[in-house]
Amino acid sequence: MSPKMWELIILLAIVILLFGPSRLAGLGGAVGKAMRDFREATKPEEPKGPAPEKGTGGKT
């Protein structure tokens, strides 16, 4: 059973009444920052230093 649109609106109104709009804005900003930090931490590291030259395979 999925929630209907009016149920979501009522739930949102209750949350706003409990926490207040300013506190929800701060919470949203903190969640956004945490998500950005998590994405940054899970990115693969790029190799540092010069890239190896192509075609030198080590054989002469």
PDB file of N, CA and C in Angstrom:
ATOM      1  N   MET A   1       0.847  -1.167   0.000  1.00  0.00           N
ATOM      2  CA  MET A   1       0.000   0.000   0.000  1.00  0.00           C
ATOM      3  C   MET A   1       0.900   1.240   0.000  1.00  0.00           C
ATOM      4  N   SER A   2       0.856   2.001  -1.062  1.00  0.00           N
ATOM      5  CA  SER A   2       1.700   3.190  -1.165  1.00  0.00           C
ATOM      6  C   SER A   2       0.929   4.419  -0.668  1.00  0.00           C
ATOM      7  N   PRO A   3       1.665   5.385  -0.114  1.00  0.00           N
ATOM      8  CA  PRO A   3       0.984   6.582   0.391  1.00  0.00           C
ATOM      9  C   PRO A   3       0.428   7.429  -0.748  1.00  0.00           C
ATOM     10  N   LYS A   4      -0.710   7.986  -0.534  1.00  0.00           N
ATOM     11  CA  LYS A   4      -1.344   8.861  -1.512  1.00  0.00           C
ATOM     12  C   LYS A   4      -0.784  10.271  -1.368  1.00  0.00           C
ATOM     13  N   MET A   5      -1.067  11.114  -2.333  1.00  0.00           N
ATOM     14  CA  MET A   5      -0.536  12.470  -2.337  1.00  0.00           C
ATOM     15  C   MET A   5      -0.985  13.255  -1.112  1.00  0.00           C
ATOM     16  N   TRP A   6      -2.255  13.160  -0.734  1.00  0.00           N
ATOM     17  CA  TRP A   6      -2.728  13.930   0.410  1.00  0.00           C
ATOM     18  C   TRP A   6      -2.097  13.447   1.707  1.00  0.00           C
ATOM     19  N   GLU A   7      -1.763  12.151   1.787  1.00  0.00           N
ATOM     20  CA  GLU A   7      -1.094  11.632   2.979  1.00  0.00           C
ATOM     21  C   GLU A   7       0.313  12.215   3.096  1.00  0.00           C
ATOM     22  N   LEU A   8       0.999  12.352   1.956  1.00  0.00           N
ATOM     23  CA  LEU A   8       2.336  12.943   1.969  1.00  0.00           C
ATOM     24  C   LEU A   8       2.286  14.416   2.371  1.00  0.00           C
ATOM     25  N   ILE A   9       1.259  15.130   1.914  1.00  0.00           N
ATOM     26  CA  ILE A   9       1.111  16.539   2.269  1.00  0.00           C
ATOM     27  C   ILE A   9       0.863  16.690   3.773  1.00  0.00           C
ATOM     28  N   ILE A  10       0.020  15.846   4.322  1.00  0.00           N
ATOM     29  CA  ILE A  10      -0.253  15.897   5.763  1.00  0.00           C
ATOM     30  C   ILE A  10       1.015  15.569   6.548  1.00  0.00           C
ATOM     31  N   LEU A  11       1.753  14.576   6.107  1.00  0.00           N
ATOM     32  CA  LEU A  11       3.002  14.207   6.779  1.00  0.00           C
ATOM     33  C   LEU A  11       4.002  15.357   6.735  1.00  0.00           C
ATOM     34  N   LEU A  12       4.123  16.004   5.594  1.00  0.00           N
ATOM     35  CA  LEU A  12       5.033  17.144   5.459  1.00  0.00           C
ATOM     36  C   LEU A  12       4.610  18.282   6.387  1.00  0.00           C
ATOM     37  N   ALA A  13       3.316  18.549   6.484  1.00  0.00           N
ATOM     38  CA  ALA A  13       2.816  19.600   7.370  1.00  0.00           C
ATOM     39  C   ALA A  13       3.145  19.284   8.828  1.00  0.00           C
ATOM     40  N   ILE A  14       3.009  18.044   9.226  1.00  0.00           N
ATOM     41  CA  ILE A  14       3.320  17.648  10.608  1.00  0.00           C
ATOM     42  C   ILE A  14       4.803  17.829  10.889  1.00  0.00           C
ATOM     43  N   VAL A  15       5.646  17.432   9.945  1.00  0.00           N
ATOM     44  CA  VAL A  15       7.095  17.574  10.128  1.00  0.00           C
ATOM     45  C   VAL A  15       7.473  19.046  10.256  1.00  0.00           C
ATOM     46  N   ILE A  16       6.874  19.902   9.421  1.00  0.00           N
ATOM     47  CA  ILE A  16       7.162  21.339   9.501  1.00  0.00           C
ATOM     48  C   ILE A  16       6.698  21.906  10.841  1.00  0.00           C
ATOM     49  N   LEU A  17       5.541  21.466  11.327  1.00  0.00           N
ATOM     50  CA  LEU A  17       5.063  21.944  12.623  1.00  0.00           C
ATOM     51  C   LEU A  17       5.977  21.497  13.765  1.00  0.00           C
ATOM     52  N   LEU A  18       6.486  20.287  13.688  1.00  0.00           N
ATOM     53  CA  LEU A  18       7.343  19.775  14.762  1.00  0.00           C
ATOM     54  C   LEU A  18       8.711  20.448  14.786  1.00  0.00           C
ATOM     55  N   PHE A  19       9.349  20.571  13.629  1.00  0.00           N
ATOM     56  CA  PHE A  19      10.728  21.040  13.586  1.00  0.00           C
ATOM     57  C   PHE A  19      10.872  22.505  13.206  1.00  0.00           C
ATOM     58  N   GLY A  20       9.930  23.062  12.487  1.00  0.00           N
ATOM     59  CA  GLY A  20      10.033  24.448  12.048  1.00  0.00           C
ATOM     60  C   GLY A  20      10.835  24.553  10.760  1.00  0.00           C
ATOM     61  N   PRO A  21      10.490  25.526   9.934  1.00  0.00           N
ATOM     62  CA  PRO A  21      11.136  25.639   8.619  1.00  0.00           C
ATOM     63  C   PRO A  21      12.630  25.949   8.694  1.00  0.00           C
ATOM     64  N   SER A  22      13.063  26.760   9.663  1.00  0.00           N
ATOM     65  CA  SER A  22      14.487  27.100   9.730  1.00  0.00           C
ATOM     66  C   SER A  22      15.332  25.888  10.122  1.00  0.00           C
ATOM     67  N   ARG A  23      14.818  25.088  11.024  1.00  0.00           N
ATOM     68  CA  ARG A  23      15.557  23.897  11.442  1.00  0.00           C
ATOM     69  C   ARG A  23      15.617  22.869  10.309  1.00  0.00           C
ATOM     70  N   LEU A  24      14.533  22.756   9.522  1.00  0.00           N
ATOM     71  CA  LEU A  24      14.534  21.843   8.383  1.00  0.00           C
ATOM     72  C   LEU A  24      15.521  22.304   7.312  1.00  0.00           C
ATOM     73  N   ALA A  25      15.642  23.623   7.111  1.00  0.00           N
ATOM     74  CA  ALA A  25      16.597  24.147   6.131  1.00  0.00           C
ATOM     75  C   ALA A  25      18.029  23.803   6.544  1.00  0.00           C
ATOM     76  N   GLY A  26      18.324  23.956   7.817  1.00  0.00           N
ATOM     77  CA  GLY A  26      19.660  23.605   8.317  1.00  0.00           C
ATOM     78  C   GLY A  26      19.929  22.115   8.188  1.00  0.00           C
ATOM     79  N   LEU A  27      18.922  21.322   8.458  1.00  0.00           N
ATOM     80  CA  LEU A  27      19.058  19.873   8.334  1.00  0.00           C
ATOM     81  C   LEU A  27      19.285  19.464   6.878  1.00  0.00           C
ATOM     82  N   GLY A  28      18.554  20.115   5.964  1.00  0.00           N
ATOM     83  CA  GLY A  28      18.735  19.830   4.543  1.00  0.00           C
ATOM     84  C   GLY A  28      20.142  20.185   4.072  1.00  0.00           C
ATOM     85  N   GLY A  29      20.657  21.303   4.533  1.00  0.00           N
ATOM     86  CA  GLY A  29      22.022  21.700   4.177  1.00  0.00           C
ATOM     87  C   GLY A  29      23.050  20.716   4.712  1.00  0.00           C
ATOM     88  N   ALA A  30      22.844  20.240   5.928  1.00  0.00           N
ATOM     89  CA  ALA A  30      23.782  19.284   6.518  1.00  0.00           C
ATOM     90  C   ALA A  30      23.747  17.956   5.768  1.00  0.00           C
ATOM     91  N   VAL A  31      22.560  17.516   5.365  1.00  0.00           N
ATOM     92  CA  VAL A  31      22.445  16.265   4.608  1.00  0.00           C
ATOM     93  C   VAL A  31      23.116  16.412   3.246  1.00  0.00           C
ATOM     94  N   GLY A  32      22.915  17.559   2.586  1.00  0.00           N
ATOM     95  CA  GLY A  32      23.550  17.798   1.294  1.00  0.00           C
ATOM     96  C   GLY A  32      25.064  17.794   1.397  1.00  0.00           C
ATOM     97  N   LYS A  33      25.604  18.422   2.435  1.00  0.00           N
ATOM     98  CA  LYS A  33      27.060  18.450   2.628  1.00  0.00           C
ATOM     99  C   LYS A  33      27.589  17.050   2.888  1.00  0.00           C
ATOM    100  N   ALA A  34      26.875  16.277   3.677  1.00  0.00           N
ATOM    101  CA  ALA A  34      27.304  14.911   3.964  1.00  0.00           C
ATOM    102  C   ALA A  34      27.320  14.064   2.691  1.00  0.00           C
ATOM    103  N   MET A  35      26.317  14.256   1.831  1.00  0.00           N
ATOM    104  CA  MET A  35      26.283  13.493   0.572  1.00  0.00           C
ATOM    105  C   MET A  35      27.437  13.882  -0.341  1.00  0.00           C
ATOM    106  N   ARG A  36      27.747  15.194  -0.424  1.00  0.00           N
ATOM    107  CA  ARG A  36      28.887  15.639  -1.247  1.00  0.00           C
ATOM    108  C   ARG A  36      30.188  15.068  -0.723  1.00  0.00           C
ATOM    109  N   ASP A  37      30.376  15.107   0.605  1.00  0.00           N
ATOM    110  CA  ASP A  37      31.596  14.568   1.203  1.00  0.00           C
ATOM    111  C   ASP A  37      31.718  13.069   0.947  1.00  0.00           C
ATOM    112  N   PHE A  38      30.604  12.351   1.023  1.00  0.00           N
ATOM    113  CA  PHE A  38      30.626  10.911   0.792  1.00  0.00           C
ATOM    114  C   PHE A  38      31.007  10.608  -0.654  1.00  0.00           C
ATOM    115  N   ARG A  39      30.423  11.344  -1.607  1.00  0.00           N
ATOM    116  CA  ARG A  39      30.758  11.126  -3.023  1.00  0.00           C
ATOM    117  C   ARG A  39      32.232  11.407  -3.288  1.00  0.00           C
ATOM    118  N   GLU A  40      32.744  12.472  -2.664  1.00  0.00           N
ATOM    119  CA  GLU A  40      34.142  12.826  -2.843  1.00  0.00           C
ATOM    120  C   GLU A  40      35.059  11.744  -2.268  1.00  0.00           C
ATOM    121  N   ALA A  41      34.664  11.176  -1.138  1.00  0.00           N
ATOM    122  CA  ALA A  41      35.486  10.161  -0.489  1.00  0.00           C
ATOM    123  C   ALA A  41      35.462   8.836  -1.244  1.00  0.00           C
ATOM    124  N   THR A  42      34.402   8.566  -1.988  1.00  0.00           N
ATOM    125  CA  THR A  42      34.316   7.287  -2.689  1.00  0.00           C
ATOM    126  C   THR A  42      34.837   7.352  -4.116  1.00  0.00           C
ATOM    127  N   LYS A  43      35.248   8.543  -4.582  1.00  0.00           N
ATOM    128  CA  LYS A  43      35.832   8.645  -5.921  1.00  0.00           C
ATOM    129  C   LYS A  43      37.176   7.931  -5.936  1.00  0.00           C
ATOM    130  N   PRO A  44      37.494   7.239  -7.031  1.00  0.00           N
ATOM    131  CA  PRO A  44      38.817   6.628  -7.105  1.00  0.00           C
ATOM    132  C   PRO A  44      39.878   7.711  -7.219  1.00  0.00           C
ATOM    133  N   GLU A  45      40.994   7.463  -6.572  1.00  0.00           N
ATOM    134  CA  GLU A  45      42.072   8.442  -6.608  1.00  0.00           C
ATOM    135  C   GLU A  45      42.736   8.451  -7.971  1.00  0.00           C
ATOM    136  N   GLU A  46      43.065   9.643  -8.432  1.00  0.00           N
ATOM    137  CA  GLU A  46      43.776   9.759  -9.699  1.00  0.00           C
ATOM    138  C   GLU A  46      45.263   9.624  -9.421  1.00  0.00           C
ATOM    139  N   PRO A  47      45.975   8.942 -10.316  1.00  0.00           N
ATOM    140  CA  PRO A  47      47.415   8.771 -10.086  1.00  0.00           C
ATOM    141  C   PRO A  47      48.131  10.111 -10.119  1.00  0.00           C
ATOM    142  N   LYS A  48      49.128  10.239  -9.246  1.00  0.00           N
ATOM    143  CA  LYS A  48      49.904  11.472  -9.190  1.00  0.00           C
ATOM    144  C   LYS A  48      51.195  11.258  -9.955  1.00  0.00           C
ATOM    145  N   GLY A  49      51.703  12.312 -10.540  1.00  0.00           N
ATOM    146  CA  GLY A  49      52.941  12.225 -11.288  1.00  0.00           C
ATOM    147  C   GLY A  49      52.663  12.121 -12.768  1.00  0.00           C
ATOM    148  N   PRO A  50      53.736  12.050 -13.560  1.00  0.00           N
ATOM    149  CA  PRO A  50      53.555  12.007 -15.021  1.00  0.00           C
ATOM    150  C   PRO A  50      52.957  10.687 -15.478  1.00  0.00           C
ATOM    151  N   ALA A  51      52.164  10.770 -16.522  1.00  0.00           N
ATOM    152  CA  ALA A  51      51.556   9.571 -17.091  1.00  0.00           C
ATOM    153  C   ALA A  51      52.617   8.808 -17.878  1.00  0.00           C
ATOM    154  N   PRO A  52      52.572   7.480 -17.871  1.00  0.00           N
ATOM    155  CA  PRO A  52      53.555   6.713 -18.646  1.00  0.00           C
ATOM    156  C   PRO A  52      53.377   6.957 -20.140  1.00  0.00           C
ATOM    157  N   GLU A  53      54.495   6.973 -20.851  1.00  0.00           N
ATOM    158  CA  GLU A  53      54.433   7.206 -22.300  1.00  0.00           C
ATOM    159  C   GLU A  53      53.920   5.961 -22.976  1.00  0.00           C
ATOM    160  N   LYS A  54      53.123   6.170 -24.006  1.00  0.00           N
ATOM    161  CA  LYS A  54      52.590   5.038 -24.753  1.00  0.00           C
ATOM    162  C   LYS A  54      53.598   4.614 -25.795  1.00  0.00           C
ATOM    163  N   GLY A  55      53.629   3.324 -26.084  1.00  0.00           N
ATOM    164  CA  GLY A  55      54.469   2.789 -27.142  1.00  0.00           C
ATOM    165  C   GLY A  55      55.891   2.469 -26.727  1.00  0.00           C
ATOM    166  N   THR A  56      56.269   2.649 -25.468  1.00  0.00           N
ATOM    167  CA  THR A  56      57.640   2.342 -25.071  1.00  0.00           C
ATOM    168  C   THR A  56      57.768   0.942 -24.510  1.00  0.00           C
ATOM    169  N   GLY A  57      56.780   0.211 -24.263  1.00  0.00           N
ATOM    170  CA  GLY A  57      56.715  -1.180 -23.839  1.00  0.00           C
ATOM    171  C   GLY A  57      57.935  -1.799 -23.188  1.00  0.00           C
ATOM    172  N   GLY A  58      59.055  -1.133 -23.151  1.00  0.00           N
ATOM    173  CA  GLY A  58      60.235  -1.663 -22.479  1.00  0.00           C
ATOM    174  C   GLY A  58      61.113  -2.533 -23.351  1.00  0.00           C
ATOM    175  N   LYS A  59      60.692  -2.861 -24.554  1.00  0.00           N
ATOM    176  CA  LYS A  59      61.492  -3.689 -25.457  1.00  0.00           C
ATOM    177  C   LYS A  59      62.127  -2.794 -26.514  1.00  0.00           C
ATOM    178  N   THR A  60      63.378  -3.113 -26.871  1.00  0.00           N
ATOM    179  CA  THR A  60      64.037  -2.333 -27.909  1.00  0.00           C
ATOM    180  C   THR A  60      64.354  -3.158 -29.104  1.00  0.00           C
TER     181      THR A  60
END
